[in-house]
Amino acid sequence: MKLKWLGHASFKITLGHKVIYIDPYAGDDYSDKAEIILVSHGHYDHSSMEKISQARVDDTIILTTKDNVAAIGGESFSPGDSKKVGDITITAIPAYNLRKPFHEKENPGLGFIIRFDSKSIYHAADTDIIPEMEGLKPTVALLPVGGTYTMNAKEAAIAAEKIKPKLVIPMHYGSGIVGKIDDAELFKELIEVHPDIKVRILEEGEEIEI
């Protein structure tokens, strides 16, 4: 399993010959055609039709919120839903703000848990610390740290303690929309006091083996 950060909240996951894109927006590496495209919600910085068009083919499975299907196509997916695609299982976790007006609990976005073999990746999407995170225990957690629309670095560190991943990677910063590398570095400092959780800051376009 390979994971590449394309920038902002955009990721590419490669499972053998199968490719999954999450929140296509940042980066230029969408030439490999997608088995699955996951779109957490309809905000422009998570749901670029241009990038989706580059990655999709006729049988690409696209999962997104009900209110975003009309814009990009695909299937409506809701918190609690699961879908099995061959040996890959996708489960939706809600993503929402508690005290901000950007992502309402009553109409949540989607976080995603992707399971393949014995490994799992949790993409938290645009969210605050929410009860649904408690004890997810994925292999890898991708957490927003930029603040304003999502958790900030300190809040994301608290969320990581609740989620209990083996590895956590900060995201949703550095694209010029919100957040800077300083947020990722502060997050890393706060997490490094927990010996059971490793943290890694990726460069845009950097790919790692999970």
N, C-alpha and C. Protein backbone atom coordinates (compact mmCIF):
# COMPACT_ATOMS: atom_id res chain seq x y z
N MET A 1 0.85 -1.19 0.00
CA MET A 1 0.00 0.00 0.00
C MET A 1 0.89 1.24 0.00
N LYS A 2 0.69 2.12 -1.00
CA LYS A 2 1.45 3.36 -1.08
C LYS A 2 0.51 4.55 -0.90
N LEU A 3 1.02 5.57 -0.22
CA LEU A 3 0.25 6.77 0.05
C LEU A 3 1.04 7.98 -0.42
N LYS A 4 0.42 8.81 -1.26
CA LYS A 4 1.06 10.03 -1.75
C LYS A 4 0.21 11.24 -1.38
N TRP A 5 0.85 12.23 -0.75
CA TRP A 5 0.17 13.50 -0.46
C TRP A 5 0.33 14.40 -1.67
N LEU A 6 -0.80 14.78 -2.27
CA LEU A 6 -0.79 15.66 -3.43
C LEU A 6 -0.85 17.13 -3.03
N GLY A 7 -1.10 17.39 -1.75
CA GLY A 7 -1.25 18.75 -1.23
C GLY A 7 -2.63 18.94 -0.64
N HIS A 8 -2.74 19.90 0.28
CA HIS A 8 -4.01 20.24 0.93
C HIS A 8 -4.63 18.98 1.55
N ALA A 9 -5.83 18.58 1.13
CA ALA A 9 -6.45 17.35 1.63
C ALA A 9 -6.48 16.25 0.57
N SER A 10 -5.71 16.43 -0.49
CA SER A 10 -5.72 15.51 -1.63
C SER A 10 -4.65 14.43 -1.48
N PHE A 11 -5.08 13.17 -1.65
CA PHE A 11 -4.18 12.04 -1.53
C PHE A 11 -4.42 11.04 -2.66
N LYS A 12 -3.37 10.30 -2.96
CA LYS A 12 -3.45 9.18 -3.89
C LYS A 12 -2.99 7.93 -3.15
N ILE A 13 -3.81 6.89 -3.18
CA ILE A 13 -3.46 5.61 -2.55
C ILE A 13 -3.34 4.58 -3.65
N THR A 14 -2.24 3.83 -3.64
CA THR A 14 -2.02 2.79 -4.63
C THR A 14 -1.99 1.44 -3.94
N LEU A 15 -2.88 0.56 -4.35
CA LEU A 15 -2.99 -0.79 -3.79
C LEU A 15 -2.75 -1.77 -4.93
N GLY A 16 -1.50 -2.20 -5.09
CA GLY A 16 -1.17 -3.02 -6.25
C GLY A 16 -1.36 -2.22 -7.52
N HIS A 17 -2.30 -2.66 -8.39
CA HIS A 17 -2.58 -1.93 -9.62
C HIS A 17 -3.81 -1.03 -9.48
N LYS A 18 -4.38 -0.94 -8.29
CA LYS A 18 -5.58 -0.15 -8.07
C LYS A 18 -5.23 1.20 -7.46
N VAL A 19 -5.90 2.24 -7.93
CA VAL A 19 -5.62 3.60 -7.48
C VAL A 19 -6.88 4.22 -6.89
N ILE A 20 -6.71 4.85 -5.73
CA ILE A 20 -7.78 5.61 -5.07
C ILE A 20 -7.31 7.05 -4.92
N TYR A 21 -8.15 8.00 -5.32
CA TYR A 21 -7.89 9.41 -5.05
C TYR A 21 -8.89 9.88 -4.00
N ILE A 22 -8.41 10.70 -3.07
CA ILE A 22 -9.27 11.30 -2.06
C ILE A 22 -9.22 12.82 -2.21
N ASP A 23 -10.39 13.43 -2.27
CA ASP A 23 -10.55 14.89 -2.37
C ASP A 23 -9.66 15.51 -3.45
N PRO A 24 -9.90 15.14 -4.71
CA PRO A 24 -9.07 15.67 -5.80
C PRO A 24 -9.16 17.19 -5.90
N TYR A 25 -8.05 17.83 -5.74
CA TYR A 25 -7.96 19.29 -5.86
C TYR A 25 -6.53 19.73 -6.07
N ALA A 26 -5.66 19.39 -5.13
CA ALA A 26 -4.27 19.85 -5.18
C ALA A 26 -3.41 18.90 -6.01
N GLY A 27 -2.30 19.42 -6.50
CA GLY A 27 -1.34 18.60 -7.22
C GLY A 27 -1.73 18.36 -8.67
N ASP A 28 -0.81 17.73 -9.39
CA ASP A 28 -1.02 17.47 -10.82
C ASP A 28 -0.98 16.00 -11.18
N ASP A 29 -0.82 15.13 -10.20
CA ASP A 29 -0.63 13.71 -10.48
C ASP A 29 -1.97 12.97 -10.48
N TYR A 30 -2.74 13.16 -11.55
CA TYR A 30 -4.02 12.46 -11.69
C TYR A 30 -4.07 11.67 -12.99
N SER A 31 -2.91 11.34 -13.54
CA SER A 31 -2.86 10.63 -14.82
C SER A 31 -3.17 9.14 -14.67
N ASP A 32 -2.84 8.55 -13.52
CA ASP A 32 -3.18 7.15 -13.29
C ASP A 32 -4.68 7.06 -13.05
N LYS A 33 -5.34 6.22 -13.81
CA LYS A 33 -6.80 6.15 -13.74
C LYS A 33 -7.26 5.48 -12.45
N ALA A 34 -8.39 5.95 -11.94
CA ALA A 34 -8.83 5.58 -10.61
C ALA A 34 -9.80 4.41 -10.62
N GLU A 35 -9.57 3.50 -9.70
CA GLU A 35 -10.56 2.49 -9.37
C GLU A 35 -11.69 3.13 -8.55
N ILE A 36 -11.28 4.02 -7.61
CA ILE A 36 -12.21 4.67 -6.69
C ILE A 36 -11.79 6.13 -6.51
N ILE A 37 -12.77 7.03 -6.48
CA ILE A 37 -12.54 8.42 -6.10
C ILE A 37 -13.47 8.74 -4.93
N LEU A 38 -12.89 9.24 -3.85
CA LEU A 38 -13.65 9.59 -2.65
C LEU A 38 -13.63 11.11 -2.48
N VAL A 39 -14.81 11.71 -2.37
CA VAL A 39 -14.91 13.16 -2.24
C VAL A 39 -15.70 13.47 -0.97
N SER A 40 -15.05 14.11 -0.02
CA SER A 40 -15.64 14.28 1.31
C SER A 40 -16.82 15.24 1.34
N HIS A 41 -16.81 16.26 0.48
CA HIS A 41 -17.91 17.22 0.40
C HIS A 41 -17.67 18.11 -0.81
N GLY A 42 -18.61 19.02 -1.06
CA GLY A 42 -18.60 19.76 -2.31
C GLY A 42 -17.80 21.03 -2.35
N HIS A 43 -17.12 21.43 -1.28
CA HIS A 43 -16.32 22.66 -1.31
C HIS A 43 -15.23 22.54 -2.38
N TYR A 44 -14.96 23.66 -3.04
CA TYR A 44 -14.10 23.63 -4.23
C TYR A 44 -12.72 23.05 -3.96
N ASP A 45 -12.22 23.23 -2.74
CA ASP A 45 -10.86 22.78 -2.43
C ASP A 45 -10.80 21.29 -2.04
N HIS A 46 -11.89 20.60 -2.30
CA HIS A 46 -11.94 19.14 -2.06
C HIS A 46 -12.55 18.40 -3.24
N SER A 47 -13.14 19.13 -4.16
CA SER A 47 -13.98 18.51 -5.19
C SER A 47 -13.78 19.23 -6.52
N SER A 48 -12.62 19.03 -7.13
CA SER A 48 -12.32 19.67 -8.41
C SER A 48 -12.80 18.79 -9.56
N MET A 49 -13.76 19.27 -10.32
CA MET A 49 -14.25 18.50 -11.46
C MET A 49 -13.16 18.28 -12.49
N GLU A 50 -12.26 19.25 -12.62
CA GLU A 50 -11.14 19.11 -13.56
C GLU A 50 -10.27 17.90 -13.18
N LYS A 51 -9.92 17.79 -11.90
CA LYS A 51 -9.07 16.68 -11.45
C LYS A 51 -9.83 15.35 -11.52
N ILE A 52 -11.11 15.39 -11.15
CA ILE A 52 -11.92 14.17 -11.22
C ILE A 52 -11.99 13.66 -12.65
N SER A 53 -12.17 14.57 -13.60
CA SER A 53 -12.26 14.19 -15.01
C SER A 53 -10.95 13.58 -15.51
N GLN A 54 -9.82 14.08 -14.99
CA GLN A 54 -8.53 13.53 -15.38
C GLN A 54 -8.36 12.09 -14.90
N ALA A 55 -8.93 11.79 -13.73
CA ALA A 55 -8.67 10.51 -13.08
C ALA A 55 -9.70 9.43 -13.41
N ARG A 56 -10.90 9.81 -13.78
CA ARG A 56 -11.98 8.83 -13.89
C ARG A 56 -11.98 8.15 -15.26
N VAL A 57 -12.49 6.94 -15.27
CA VAL A 57 -12.83 6.20 -16.48
C VAL A 57 -14.27 5.73 -16.33
N ASP A 58 -14.76 5.00 -17.31
CA ASP A 58 -16.18 4.65 -17.30
C ASP A 58 -16.60 3.86 -16.06
N ASP A 59 -15.70 2.99 -15.57
CA ASP A 59 -16.08 2.15 -14.43
C ASP A 59 -15.51 2.62 -13.10
N THR A 60 -14.99 3.85 -13.05
CA THR A 60 -14.52 4.41 -11.78
C THR A 60 -15.70 4.58 -10.82
N ILE A 61 -15.52 4.15 -9.58
CA ILE A 61 -16.53 4.33 -8.54
C ILE A 61 -16.25 5.63 -7.81
N ILE A 62 -17.23 6.52 -7.80
CA ILE A 62 -17.10 7.80 -7.10
C ILE A 62 -18.11 7.83 -5.95
N LEU A 63 -17.62 8.07 -4.75
CA LEU A 63 -18.47 8.15 -3.57
C LEU A 63 -18.35 9.55 -2.98
N THR A 64 -19.51 10.19 -2.74
CA THR A 64 -19.51 11.54 -2.19
C THR A 64 -20.83 11.79 -1.47
N THR A 65 -20.98 12.97 -0.92
CA THR A 65 -22.21 13.31 -0.20
C THR A 65 -23.38 13.43 -1.17
N LYS A 66 -24.57 13.25 -0.64
CA LYS A 66 -25.78 13.30 -1.46
C LYS A 66 -25.89 14.62 -2.22
N ASP A 67 -25.56 15.73 -1.54
CA ASP A 67 -25.73 17.03 -2.19
C ASP A 67 -24.61 17.37 -3.17
N ASN A 68 -23.61 16.49 -3.30
CA ASN A 68 -22.53 16.73 -4.25
C ASN A 68 -22.62 15.83 -5.47
N VAL A 69 -23.52 14.86 -5.45
CA VAL A 69 -23.64 13.93 -6.57
C VAL A 69 -24.03 14.65 -7.85
N ALA A 70 -24.94 15.61 -7.76
CA ALA A 70 -25.39 16.32 -8.95
C ALA A 70 -24.25 17.06 -9.64
N ALA A 71 -23.26 17.51 -8.86
CA ALA A 71 -22.16 18.29 -9.42
C ALA A 71 -21.09 17.42 -10.06
N ILE A 72 -20.81 16.25 -9.47
CA ILE A 72 -19.68 15.46 -9.96
C ILE A 72 -20.07 14.05 -10.41
N GLY A 73 -21.32 13.66 -10.18
CA GLY A 73 -21.72 12.30 -10.51
C GLY A 73 -21.34 11.33 -9.40
N GLY A 74 -21.48 10.05 -9.68
CA GLY A 74 -21.11 9.04 -8.70
C GLY A 74 -22.28 8.62 -7.84
N GLU A 75 -21.95 8.03 -6.69
CA GLU A 75 -22.94 7.46 -5.79
C GLU A 75 -23.01 8.27 -4.50
N SER A 76 -24.21 8.41 -3.98
CA SER A 76 -24.41 9.07 -2.70
C SER A 76 -23.93 8.16 -1.57
N PHE A 77 -23.16 8.72 -0.66
CA PHE A 77 -22.59 7.99 0.45
C PHE A 77 -22.87 8.79 1.71
N SER A 78 -23.21 8.11 2.80
CA SER A 78 -23.57 8.78 4.04
C SER A 78 -22.79 8.19 5.20
N PRO A 79 -22.63 8.94 6.30
CA PRO A 79 -21.96 8.39 7.48
C PRO A 79 -22.58 7.06 7.91
N GLY A 80 -21.72 6.08 8.15
CA GLY A 80 -22.18 4.75 8.52
C GLY A 80 -22.24 3.79 7.35
N ASP A 81 -22.27 4.32 6.12
CA ASP A 81 -22.31 3.45 4.94
C ASP A 81 -20.95 2.77 4.73
N SER A 82 -20.99 1.57 4.18
CA SER A 82 -19.78 0.85 3.78
C SER A 82 -19.97 0.31 2.38
N LYS A 83 -18.90 0.23 1.64
CA LYS A 83 -18.94 -0.34 0.30
C LYS A 83 -17.68 -1.18 0.08
N LYS A 84 -17.88 -2.39 -0.42
CA LYS A 84 -16.75 -3.28 -0.70
C LYS A 84 -16.50 -3.28 -2.20
N VAL A 85 -15.28 -3.01 -2.58
CA VAL A 85 -14.87 -3.01 -3.98
C VAL A 85 -13.71 -3.99 -4.10
N GLY A 86 -14.02 -5.21 -4.51
CA GLY A 86 -12.99 -6.25 -4.52
C GLY A 86 -12.51 -6.50 -3.11
N ASP A 87 -11.21 -6.35 -2.89
CA ASP A 87 -10.64 -6.56 -1.56
C ASP A 87 -10.44 -5.27 -0.78
N ILE A 88 -11.09 -4.19 -1.23
CA ILE A 88 -11.04 -2.89 -0.56
C ILE A 88 -12.40 -2.60 0.07
N THR A 89 -12.40 -2.14 1.31
CA THR A 89 -13.65 -1.74 1.97
C THR A 89 -13.56 -0.27 2.36
N ILE A 90 -14.57 0.49 1.96
CA ILE A 90 -14.65 1.91 2.29
C ILE A 90 -15.79 2.12 3.28
N THR A 91 -15.52 2.79 4.38
CA THR A 91 -16.55 3.11 5.37
C THR A 91 -16.55 4.62 5.60
N ALA A 92 -17.75 5.20 5.67
CA ALA A 92 -17.88 6.65 5.87
C ALA A 92 -18.06 6.99 7.34
N ILE A 93 -17.29 7.98 7.79
CA ILE A 93 -17.37 8.54 9.14
C ILE A 93 -17.80 10.00 8.98
N PRO A 94 -18.68 10.52 9.81
CA PRO A 94 -19.07 11.92 9.65
C PRO A 94 -17.90 12.87 9.87
N ALA A 95 -17.99 14.02 9.22
CA ALA A 95 -16.99 15.09 9.39
C ALA A 95 -17.77 16.39 9.54
N TYR A 96 -17.56 17.09 10.66
CA TYR A 96 -18.34 18.30 10.89
C TYR A 96 -17.67 19.18 11.94
N ASN A 97 -18.14 20.43 11.99
CA ASN A 97 -17.68 21.39 13.00
C ASN A 97 -18.64 21.39 14.18
N LEU A 98 -18.09 21.68 15.35
CA LEU A 98 -18.91 21.79 16.56
C LEU A 98 -19.29 23.23 16.86
N ARG A 99 -18.36 24.16 16.64
CA ARG A 99 -18.63 25.57 16.98
C ARG A 99 -18.24 26.50 15.84
N LYS A 100 -18.22 25.97 14.63
CA LYS A 100 -17.93 26.78 13.45
C LYS A 100 -19.08 26.60 12.46
N PRO A 101 -19.31 27.56 11.59
CA PRO A 101 -20.47 27.49 10.69
C PRO A 101 -20.20 26.84 9.33
N PHE A 102 -19.02 26.24 9.16
CA PHE A 102 -18.62 25.83 7.81
C PHE A 102 -19.08 24.43 7.41
N HIS A 103 -19.14 23.52 8.39
CA HIS A 103 -19.52 22.13 8.12
C HIS A 103 -20.47 21.69 9.22
N GLU A 104 -21.74 21.70 8.92
CA GLU A 104 -22.76 21.50 9.94
C GLU A 104 -22.96 20.02 10.26
N LYS A 105 -23.17 19.74 11.54
CA LYS A 105 -23.43 18.37 11.98
C LYS A 105 -24.69 17.81 11.33
N GLU A 106 -25.68 18.67 11.10
CA GLU A 106 -26.95 18.23 10.53
C GLU A 106 -26.79 17.83 9.06
N ASN A 107 -25.74 18.31 8.42
CA ASN A 107 -25.48 17.97 7.01
C ASN A 107 -23.98 17.72 6.86
N PRO A 108 -23.49 16.64 7.46
CA PRO A 108 -22.04 16.46 7.58
C PRO A 108 -21.37 16.09 6.27
N GLY A 109 -20.08 16.40 6.22
CA GLY A 109 -19.25 15.83 5.19
C GLY A 109 -18.87 14.41 5.57
N LEU A 110 -17.96 13.85 4.79
CA LEU A 110 -17.57 12.46 4.99
C LEU A 110 -16.08 12.33 5.27
N GLY A 111 -15.75 11.67 6.36
CA GLY A 111 -14.43 11.11 6.52
C GLY A 111 -14.48 9.69 5.96
N PHE A 112 -13.34 9.14 5.64
CA PHE A 112 -13.32 7.80 5.04
C PHE A 112 -12.31 6.91 5.75
N ILE A 113 -12.71 5.67 5.99
CA ILE A 113 -11.77 4.63 6.40
C ILE A 113 -11.64 3.65 5.24
N ILE A 114 -10.42 3.48 4.76
CA ILE A 114 -10.13 2.56 3.66
C ILE A 114 -9.38 1.37 4.23
N ARG A 115 -9.94 0.20 4.09
CA ARG A 115 -9.33 -1.02 4.62
C ARG A 115 -8.88 -1.91 3.46
N PHE A 116 -7.67 -2.41 3.58
CA PHE A 116 -7.10 -3.29 2.57
C PHE A 116 -6.14 -4.25 3.27
N ASP A 117 -6.38 -5.56 3.11
CA ASP A 117 -5.63 -6.55 3.87
C ASP A 117 -5.80 -6.24 5.37
N SER A 118 -4.71 -6.14 6.09
CA SER A 118 -4.80 -5.89 7.53
C SER A 118 -4.54 -4.42 7.87
N LYS A 119 -4.51 -3.54 6.84
CA LYS A 119 -4.17 -2.14 7.05
C LYS A 119 -5.38 -1.24 6.80
N SER A 120 -5.35 -0.07 7.41
CA SER A 120 -6.44 0.88 7.21
C SER A 120 -5.91 2.30 7.25
N ILE A 121 -6.56 3.17 6.46
CA ILE A 121 -6.24 4.60 6.41
C ILE A 121 -7.51 5.38 6.73
N TYR A 122 -7.42 6.30 7.66
CA TYR A 122 -8.54 7.18 8.01
C TYR A 122 -8.24 8.58 7.52
N HIS A 123 -9.05 9.06 6.57
CA HIS A 123 -8.98 10.44 6.10
C HIS A 123 -10.10 11.19 6.80
N ALA A 124 -9.74 12.12 7.69
CA ALA A 124 -10.74 12.76 8.56
C ALA A 124 -11.54 13.85 7.87
N ALA A 125 -11.07 14.37 6.74
CA ALA A 125 -11.74 15.45 6.00
C ALA A 125 -11.83 16.72 6.86
N ASP A 126 -12.78 17.60 6.55
CA ASP A 126 -12.89 18.88 7.26
C ASP A 126 -13.73 18.67 8.51
N THR A 127 -13.07 18.62 9.64
CA THR A 127 -13.77 18.26 10.87
C THR A 127 -13.10 18.88 12.09
N ASP A 128 -13.87 18.96 13.16
CA ASP A 128 -13.34 19.21 14.49
C ASP A 128 -13.17 17.87 15.20
N ILE A 129 -12.79 17.90 16.46
CA ILE A 129 -12.76 16.68 17.27
C ILE A 129 -14.21 16.25 17.50
N ILE A 130 -14.55 15.05 17.08
CA ILE A 130 -15.94 14.59 17.22
C ILE A 130 -15.95 13.21 17.88
N PRO A 131 -17.05 12.86 18.54
CA PRO A 131 -17.11 11.58 19.26
C PRO A 131 -16.89 10.36 18.37
N GLU A 132 -17.26 10.48 17.10
CA GLU A 132 -17.15 9.33 16.18
C GLU A 132 -15.71 8.92 15.91
N MET A 133 -14.75 9.76 16.29
CA MET A 133 -13.33 9.43 16.12
C MET A 133 -12.82 8.43 17.17
N GLU A 134 -13.48 8.38 18.29
CA GLU A 134 -12.96 7.68 19.46
C GLU A 134 -12.62 6.22 19.14
N GLY A 135 -11.35 5.88 19.34
CA GLY A 135 -10.93 4.49 19.26
C GLY A 135 -10.98 3.86 17.89
N LEU A 136 -10.87 4.65 16.82
CA LEU A 136 -10.91 4.06 15.48
C LEU A 136 -9.70 3.16 15.22
N LYS A 137 -8.55 3.54 15.73
CA LYS A 137 -7.31 2.75 15.66
C LYS A 137 -6.93 2.32 14.24
N PRO A 138 -6.85 3.26 13.31
CA PRO A 138 -6.39 2.91 11.97
C PRO A 138 -4.87 2.74 11.94
N THR A 139 -4.39 2.16 10.88
CA THR A 139 -2.94 2.11 10.69
C THR A 139 -2.39 3.52 10.52
N VAL A 140 -3.08 4.32 9.70
CA VAL A 140 -2.67 5.69 9.41
C VAL A 140 -3.87 6.61 9.53
N ALA A 141 -3.68 7.77 10.17
CA ALA A 141 -4.71 8.81 10.22
C ALA A 141 -4.19 10.06 9.50
N LEU A 142 -5.02 10.62 8.65
CA LEU A 142 -4.73 11.86 7.94
C LEU A 142 -5.61 12.95 8.55
N LEU A 143 -4.98 13.88 9.28
CA LEU A 143 -5.75 14.83 10.08
C LEU A 143 -5.49 16.27 9.66
N PRO A 144 -6.56 17.08 9.54
CA PRO A 144 -6.38 18.50 9.22
C PRO A 144 -5.82 19.25 10.42
N VAL A 145 -4.92 20.19 10.16
CA VAL A 145 -4.28 20.94 11.24
C VAL A 145 -4.33 22.45 11.01
N GLY A 146 -4.91 22.90 9.91
CA GLY A 146 -4.80 24.30 9.52
C GLY A 146 -5.68 25.27 10.27
N GLY A 147 -6.68 24.76 11.00
CA GLY A 147 -7.56 25.66 11.73
C GLY A 147 -8.57 26.36 10.83
N THR A 148 -9.28 27.31 11.37
CA THR A 148 -10.34 28.11 10.72
C THR A 148 -11.53 27.24 10.32
N TYR A 149 -11.35 26.37 9.35
CA TYR A 149 -12.44 25.51 8.88
C TYR A 149 -12.41 24.12 9.52
N THR A 150 -11.32 23.82 10.18
CA THR A 150 -11.09 22.48 10.73
C THR A 150 -10.41 22.61 12.09
N MET A 151 -9.98 21.48 12.62
CA MET A 151 -9.12 21.50 13.81
C MET A 151 -7.85 22.28 13.54
N ASN A 152 -7.34 22.92 14.59
CA ASN A 152 -5.99 23.47 14.50
C ASN A 152 -4.99 22.41 14.99
N ALA A 153 -3.73 22.76 15.05
CA ALA A 153 -2.69 21.78 15.39
C ALA A 153 -2.90 21.20 16.79
N LYS A 154 -3.24 22.04 17.76
CA LYS A 154 -3.42 21.55 19.12
C LYS A 154 -4.63 20.62 19.22
N GLU A 155 -5.70 21.00 18.54
CA GLU A 155 -6.90 20.16 18.56
C GLU A 155 -6.65 18.83 17.84
N ALA A 156 -5.92 18.89 16.74
CA ALA A 156 -5.62 17.67 16.00
C ALA A 156 -4.77 16.70 16.82
N ALA A 157 -3.89 17.25 17.65
CA ALA A 157 -3.09 16.39 18.53
C ALA A 157 -3.98 15.66 19.54
N ILE A 158 -4.97 16.37 20.07
CA ILE A 158 -5.92 15.74 20.99
C ILE A 158 -6.73 14.66 20.26
N ALA A 159 -7.12 14.97 19.02
CA ALA A 159 -7.87 14.00 18.21
C ALA A 159 -7.05 12.74 17.97
N ALA A 160 -5.76 12.92 17.71
CA ALA A 160 -4.90 11.75 17.47
C ALA A 160 -4.86 10.84 18.69
N GLU A 161 -4.87 11.42 19.88
CA GLU A 161 -4.90 10.62 21.10
C GLU A 161 -6.18 9.78 21.17
N LYS A 162 -7.28 10.34 20.70
CA LYS A 162 -8.55 9.62 20.72
C LYS A 162 -8.61 8.53 19.63
N ILE A 163 -8.04 8.84 18.49
CA ILE A 163 -8.10 7.93 17.35
C ILE A 163 -7.13 6.75 17.51
N LYS A 164 -5.97 7.02 18.07
CA LYS A 164 -4.94 6.01 18.34
C LYS A 164 -4.43 5.32 17.07
N PRO A 165 -3.96 6.09 16.09
CA PRO A 165 -3.35 5.47 14.91
C PRO A 165 -1.92 5.05 15.21
N LYS A 166 -1.36 4.22 14.36
CA LYS A 166 0.06 3.91 14.46
C LYS A 166 0.90 5.05 13.88
N LEU A 167 0.39 5.65 12.81
CA LEU A 167 1.07 6.76 12.15
C LEU A 167 0.04 7.84 11.85
N VAL A 168 0.40 9.09 12.07
CA VAL A 168 -0.50 10.20 11.75
C VAL A 168 0.23 11.19 10.86
N ILE A 169 -0.49 11.69 9.85
CA ILE A 169 0.07 12.63 8.88
C ILE A 169 -0.80 13.87 8.85
N PRO A 170 -0.24 15.05 9.09
CA PRO A 170 -1.03 16.28 9.04
C PRO A 170 -1.34 16.69 7.60
N MET A 171 -2.49 17.34 7.43
CA MET A 171 -2.91 17.80 6.10
C MET A 171 -3.73 19.09 6.26
N HIS A 172 -4.27 19.57 5.15
CA HIS A 172 -5.11 20.77 5.12
C HIS A 172 -4.34 22.00 5.60
N TYR A 173 -3.19 22.20 5.00
CA TYR A 173 -2.37 23.38 5.26
C TYR A 173 -1.45 23.56 4.06
N GLY A 174 -0.86 24.75 3.94
CA GLY A 174 0.20 24.98 2.98
C GLY A 174 -0.22 25.21 1.54
N SER A 175 -1.52 25.26 1.26
CA SER A 175 -1.97 25.44 -0.12
C SER A 175 -2.30 26.90 -0.44
N GLY A 176 -2.17 27.77 0.56
CA GLY A 176 -2.54 29.16 0.37
C GLY A 176 -3.97 29.45 0.77
N ILE A 177 -4.72 28.40 1.12
CA ILE A 177 -6.11 28.59 1.57
C ILE A 177 -6.14 28.82 3.07
N VAL A 178 -5.53 27.93 3.81
CA VAL A 178 -5.49 28.04 5.26
C VAL A 178 -4.34 27.19 5.78
N GLY A 179 -3.71 27.63 6.85
CA GLY A 179 -2.66 26.83 7.48
C GLY A 179 -1.31 26.94 6.81
N LYS A 180 -0.26 26.74 7.62
CA LYS A 180 1.11 26.81 7.13
C LYS A 180 1.91 25.62 7.67
N ILE A 181 3.12 25.48 7.17
CA ILE A 181 3.99 24.40 7.63
C ILE A 181 4.21 24.50 9.14
N ASP A 182 4.16 25.70 9.69
CA ASP A 182 4.30 25.87 11.14
C ASP A 182 3.25 25.08 11.90
N ASP A 183 2.04 24.99 11.34
CA ASP A 183 0.97 24.23 11.98
C ASP A 183 1.31 22.74 12.01
N ALA A 184 1.84 22.24 10.92
CA ALA A 184 2.24 20.83 10.86
C ALA A 184 3.37 20.55 11.83
N GLU A 185 4.32 21.47 11.92
CA GLU A 185 5.47 21.26 12.81
C GLU A 185 5.05 21.31 14.28
N LEU A 186 4.12 22.22 14.62
CA LEU A 186 3.61 22.27 15.99
C LEU A 186 2.88 20.97 16.31
N PHE A 187 2.06 20.50 15.38
CA PHE A 187 1.36 19.23 15.55
C PHE A 187 2.35 18.10 15.83
N LYS A 188 3.42 18.06 15.07
CA LYS A 188 4.43 17.02 15.26
C LYS A 188 5.05 17.11 16.65
N GLU A 189 5.37 18.30 17.08
CA GLU A 189 5.95 18.48 18.42
C GLU A 189 5.01 17.95 19.51
N LEU A 190 3.74 18.21 19.36
CA LEU A 190 2.76 17.79 20.36
C LEU A 190 2.55 16.28 20.35
N ILE A 191 2.64 15.67 19.19
CA ILE A 191 2.42 14.23 19.08
C ILE A 191 3.64 13.43 19.54
N GLU A 192 4.81 13.97 19.36
CA GLU A 192 6.03 13.21 19.63
C GLU A 192 6.19 12.84 21.10
N VAL A 193 5.39 13.42 21.99
CA VAL A 193 5.44 13.03 23.40
C VAL A 193 4.71 11.70 23.62
N HIS A 194 4.00 11.22 22.61
CA HIS A 194 3.26 9.96 22.72
C HIS A 194 4.06 8.87 22.01
N PRO A 195 4.71 7.97 22.74
CA PRO A 195 5.60 6.99 22.11
C PRO A 195 4.87 6.00 21.21
N ASP A 196 3.58 5.83 21.38
CA ASP A 196 2.85 4.84 20.58
C ASP A 196 2.34 5.39 19.26
N ILE A 197 2.46 6.71 19.05
CA ILE A 197 1.98 7.33 17.81
C ILE A 197 3.15 7.99 17.10
N LYS A 198 3.40 7.56 15.89
CA LYS A 198 4.42 8.21 15.08
C LYS A 198 3.77 9.27 14.21
N VAL A 199 4.53 10.31 13.89
CA VAL A 199 4.01 11.38 13.04
C VAL A 199 5.01 11.64 11.93
N ARG A 200 4.48 11.94 10.77
CA ARG A 200 5.34 12.24 9.63
C ARG A 200 4.75 13.40 8.84
N ILE A 201 5.56 14.40 8.58
CA ILE A 201 5.16 15.51 7.73
C ILE A 201 5.65 15.20 6.32
N LEU A 202 4.73 15.16 5.37
CA LEU A 202 5.09 14.85 3.99
C LEU A 202 5.31 16.13 3.19
N GLU A 203 6.20 16.04 2.23
CA GLU A 203 6.32 17.09 1.22
C GLU A 203 5.23 16.87 0.18
N GLU A 204 4.77 17.93 -0.45
CA GLU A 204 3.79 17.75 -1.52
C GLU A 204 4.38 16.88 -2.61
N GLY A 205 3.65 15.85 -2.99
CA GLY A 205 4.12 14.91 -4.01
C GLY A 205 4.91 13.76 -3.45
N GLU A 206 5.16 13.75 -2.14
CA GLU A 206 5.94 12.67 -1.53
C GLU A 206 5.06 11.42 -1.33
N GLU A 207 5.65 10.27 -1.63
CA GLU A 207 4.94 9.00 -1.52
C GLU A 207 5.67 8.11 -0.53
N ILE A 208 4.89 7.43 0.33
CA ILE A 208 5.47 6.52 1.31
C ILE A 208 4.77 5.17 1.22
N GLU A 209 5.47 4.15 1.69
CA GLU A 209 4.92 2.81 1.78
C GLU A 209 4.31 2.63 3.17
N ILE A 210 3.09 2.11 3.22
CA ILE A 210 2.41 1.88 4.49
C ILE A 210 2.55 0.41 4.88
